[in-house]
Amino acid sequence: MGVAAKLIRTLNDVTGSTSLVISHDVPECMAISDHVVLMAAGGRIVARGTPQELMDSMDPETRQFVRRTRWPGEVSLPAPEIAADFGLTGA
């Protein structure tokens, strides 16, 4: 965990305050967050919950964000919704 992430987590724990962190560093956000909202292009909410709930999700789009596979040989491919968000079509 980086210095900024440690500082945010410590300040929240000590003061009881809440922080809103916007980042592309999913592992770091998962490490310091009590609640996570995953968003795709255009602000579309893909998933929300505790870091553990998102890590345990069976939803392919959520797993794509958290980059977690569930069984040997599983390939992490963009869900169709992600491809559509970026204007990608076909294979």
C-alpha atoms as a PDB file:
ATOM      1  CA  MET A   1       0.000   0.000   0.000  1.00  0.00           C
ATOM      2  CA  GLY A   2       1.335   3.412  -0.952  1.00  0.00           C
ATOM      3  CA  VAL A   3       2.051   6.310   1.377  1.00  0.00           C
ATOM      4  CA  ALA A   4      -1.049   8.289   0.340  1.00  0.00           C
ATOM      5  CA  ALA A   5      -3.301   5.263   0.801  1.00  0.00           C
ATOM      6  CA  LYS A   6      -1.862   4.570   4.262  1.00  0.00           C
ATOM      7  CA  LEU A   7      -2.388   8.210   5.228  1.00  0.00           C
ATOM      8  CA  ILE A   8      -6.015   8.184   4.047  1.00  0.00           C
ATOM      9  CA  ARG A   9      -6.767   4.932   5.898  1.00  0.00           C
ATOM     10  CA  THR A  10      -5.072   6.177   9.082  1.00  0.00           C
ATOM     11  CA  LEU A  11      -6.854   9.545   9.028  1.00  0.00           C
ATOM     12  CA  ASN A  12     -10.210   7.842   8.525  1.00  0.00           C
ATOM     13  CA  ASP A  13      -9.569   5.365  11.323  1.00  0.00           C
ATOM     14  CA  VAL A  14      -8.303   7.968  13.796  1.00  0.00           C
ATOM     15  CA  THR A  15     -10.810  10.741  13.096  1.00  0.00           C
ATOM     16  CA  GLY A  16     -13.828   8.649  12.105  1.00  0.00           C
ATOM     17  CA  SER A  17     -14.141  10.705   8.940  1.00  0.00           C
ATOM     18  CA  THR A  18     -15.075   9.555   5.453  1.00  0.00           C
ATOM     19  CA  SER A  19     -12.983  10.007   2.321  1.00  0.00           C
ATOM     20  CA  LEU A  20     -13.977   9.732  -1.301  1.00  0.00           C
ATOM     21  CA  VAL A  21     -11.087   8.369  -3.352  1.00  0.00           C
ATOM     22  CA  ILE A  22     -11.251   8.228  -7.133  1.00  0.00           C
ATOM     23  CA  SER A  23      -8.520   6.066  -8.604  1.00  0.00           C
ATOM     24  CA  HIS A  24      -7.626   3.596 -11.329  1.00  0.00           C
ATOM     25  CA  ASP A  25      -5.506   1.659  -8.824  1.00  0.00           C
ATOM     26  CA  VAL A  26      -8.075  -1.009  -7.960  1.00  0.00           C
ATOM     27  CA  PRO A  27      -5.865  -3.106  -5.621  1.00  0.00           C
ATOM     28  CA  GLU A  28      -4.918  -0.062  -3.547  1.00  0.00           C
ATOM     29  CA  CYS A  29      -8.520   1.155  -3.338  1.00  0.00           C
ATOM     30  CA  MET A  30      -9.632  -2.307  -2.268  1.00  0.00           C
ATOM     31  CA  ALA A  31      -6.956  -2.325   0.439  1.00  0.00           C
ATOM     32  CA  ILE A  32      -8.023   0.954   2.072  1.00  0.00           C
ATOM     33  CA  SER A  33     -11.774   1.026   1.467  1.00  0.00           C
ATOM     34  CA  ASP A  34     -14.725   0.036   3.595  1.00  0.00           C
ATOM     35  CA  HIS A  35     -17.083   0.448   0.625  1.00  0.00           C
ATOM     36  CA  VAL A  36     -16.268   0.471  -3.103  1.00  0.00           C
ATOM     37  CA  VAL A  37     -18.187   1.674  -6.159  1.00  0.00           C
ATOM     38  CA  LEU A  38     -16.860   0.453  -9.515  1.00  0.00           C
ATOM     39  CA  MET A  39     -17.749   2.692 -12.435  1.00  0.00           C
ATOM     40  CA  ALA A  40     -17.388   2.261 -16.195  1.00  0.00           C
ATOM     41  CA  ALA A  41     -17.308   4.864 -18.930  1.00  0.00           C
ATOM     42  CA  GLY A  42     -20.043   7.448 -18.710  1.00  0.00           C
ATOM     43  CA  GLY A  43     -20.338   7.006 -14.942  1.00  0.00           C
ATOM     44  CA  ARG A  44     -22.270   3.737 -15.219  1.00  0.00           C
ATOM     45  CA  ILE A  45     -22.125   1.905 -11.886  1.00  0.00           C
ATOM     46  CA  VAL A  46     -20.903  -1.639 -12.464  1.00  0.00           C
ATOM     47  CA  ALA A  47     -20.892  -2.821  -8.845  1.00  0.00           C
ATOM     48  CA  ARG A  48     -20.811  -1.599  -5.292  1.00  0.00           C
ATOM     49  CA  GLY A  49     -20.249  -3.156  -1.908  1.00  0.00           C
ATOM     50  CA  THR A  50     -17.449  -4.041   0.452  1.00  0.00           C
ATOM     51  CA  PRO A  51     -14.106  -4.948  -1.091  1.00  0.00           C
ATOM     52  CA  GLN A  52     -14.718  -8.580  -0.081  1.00  0.00           C
ATOM     53  CA  GLU A  53     -18.160  -8.608  -1.730  1.00  0.00           C
ATOM     54  CA  LEU A  54     -16.651  -7.347  -4.968  1.00  0.00           C
ATOM     55  CA  MET A  55     -13.748  -9.803  -4.798  1.00  0.00           C
ATOM     56  CA  ASP A  56     -16.230 -12.667  -4.256  1.00  0.00           C
ATOM     57  CA  SER A  57     -18.546 -11.554  -7.078  1.00  0.00           C
ATOM     58  CA  MET A  58     -19.326 -14.032  -9.828  1.00  0.00           C
ATOM     59  CA  ASP A  59     -20.319 -11.194 -12.179  1.00  0.00           C
ATOM     60  CA  PRO A  60     -17.874 -11.248 -15.134  1.00  0.00           C
ATOM     61  CA  GLU A  61     -17.757  -7.473 -15.455  1.00  0.00           C
ATOM     62  CA  THR A  62     -17.007  -7.001 -11.764  1.00  0.00           C
ATOM     63  CA  ARG A  63     -14.343  -9.711 -11.861  1.00  0.00           C
ATOM     64  CA  GLN A  64     -12.793  -7.959 -14.861  1.00  0.00           C
ATOM     65  CA  PHE A  65     -12.349  -4.828 -12.749  1.00  0.00           C
ATOM     66  CA  VAL A  66     -10.915  -6.621  -9.730  1.00  0.00           C
ATOM     67  CA  ARG A  67      -8.920  -8.982 -11.991  1.00  0.00           C
ATOM     68  CA  ARG A  68      -9.705 -12.088 -10.031  1.00  0.00           C
ATOM     69  CA  THR A  69     -10.217 -15.511 -11.543  1.00  0.00           C
ATOM     70  CA  ARG A  70     -12.256 -18.235  -9.892  1.00  0.00           C
ATOM     71  CA  TRP A  71     -10.907 -21.491 -11.281  1.00  0.00           C
ATOM     72  CA  PRO A  72      -7.769 -22.740 -13.051  1.00  0.00           C
ATOM     73  CA  GLY A  73      -7.716 -21.807 -16.706  1.00  0.00           C
ATOM     74  CA  GLU A  74     -10.391 -19.126 -16.447  1.00  0.00           C
ATOM     75  CA  VAL A  75      -9.623 -16.303 -18.836  1.00  0.00           C
ATOM     76  CA  SER A  76     -10.469 -12.751 -17.821  1.00  0.00           C
ATOM     77  CA  LEU A  77     -12.078 -11.209 -20.888  1.00  0.00           C
ATOM     78  CA  PRO A  78     -13.873  -7.862 -21.091  1.00  0.00           C
ATOM     79  CA  ALA A  79     -17.590  -8.302 -20.596  1.00  0.00           C
ATOM     80  CA  PRO A  80     -19.695  -7.170 -23.586  1.00  0.00           C
ATOM     81  CA  GLU A  81     -20.845  -4.094 -21.672  1.00  0.00           C
ATOM     82  CA  ILE A  82     -17.264  -2.877 -21.263  1.00  0.00           C
ATOM     83  CA  ALA A  83     -16.553  -3.320 -24.969  1.00  0.00           C
ATOM     84  CA  ALA A  84     -19.718  -1.378 -25.800  1.00  0.00           C
ATOM     85  CA  ASP A  85     -18.675   1.427 -23.439  1.00  0.00           C
ATOM     86  CA  PHE A  86     -15.548   1.934 -25.562  1.00  0.00           C
ATOM     87  CA  GLY A  87     -17.304   1.583 -28.916  1.00  0.00           C
ATOM     88  CA  LEU A  88     -15.693  -1.785 -29.677  1.00  0.00           C
ATOM     89  CA  THR A  89     -17.607  -4.298 -31.764  1.00  0.00           C
ATOM     90  CA  GLY A  90     -16.972  -7.799 -33.021  1.00  0.00           C
ATOM     91  CA  ALA A  91     -14.155 -10.139 -32.099  1.00  0.00           C
END
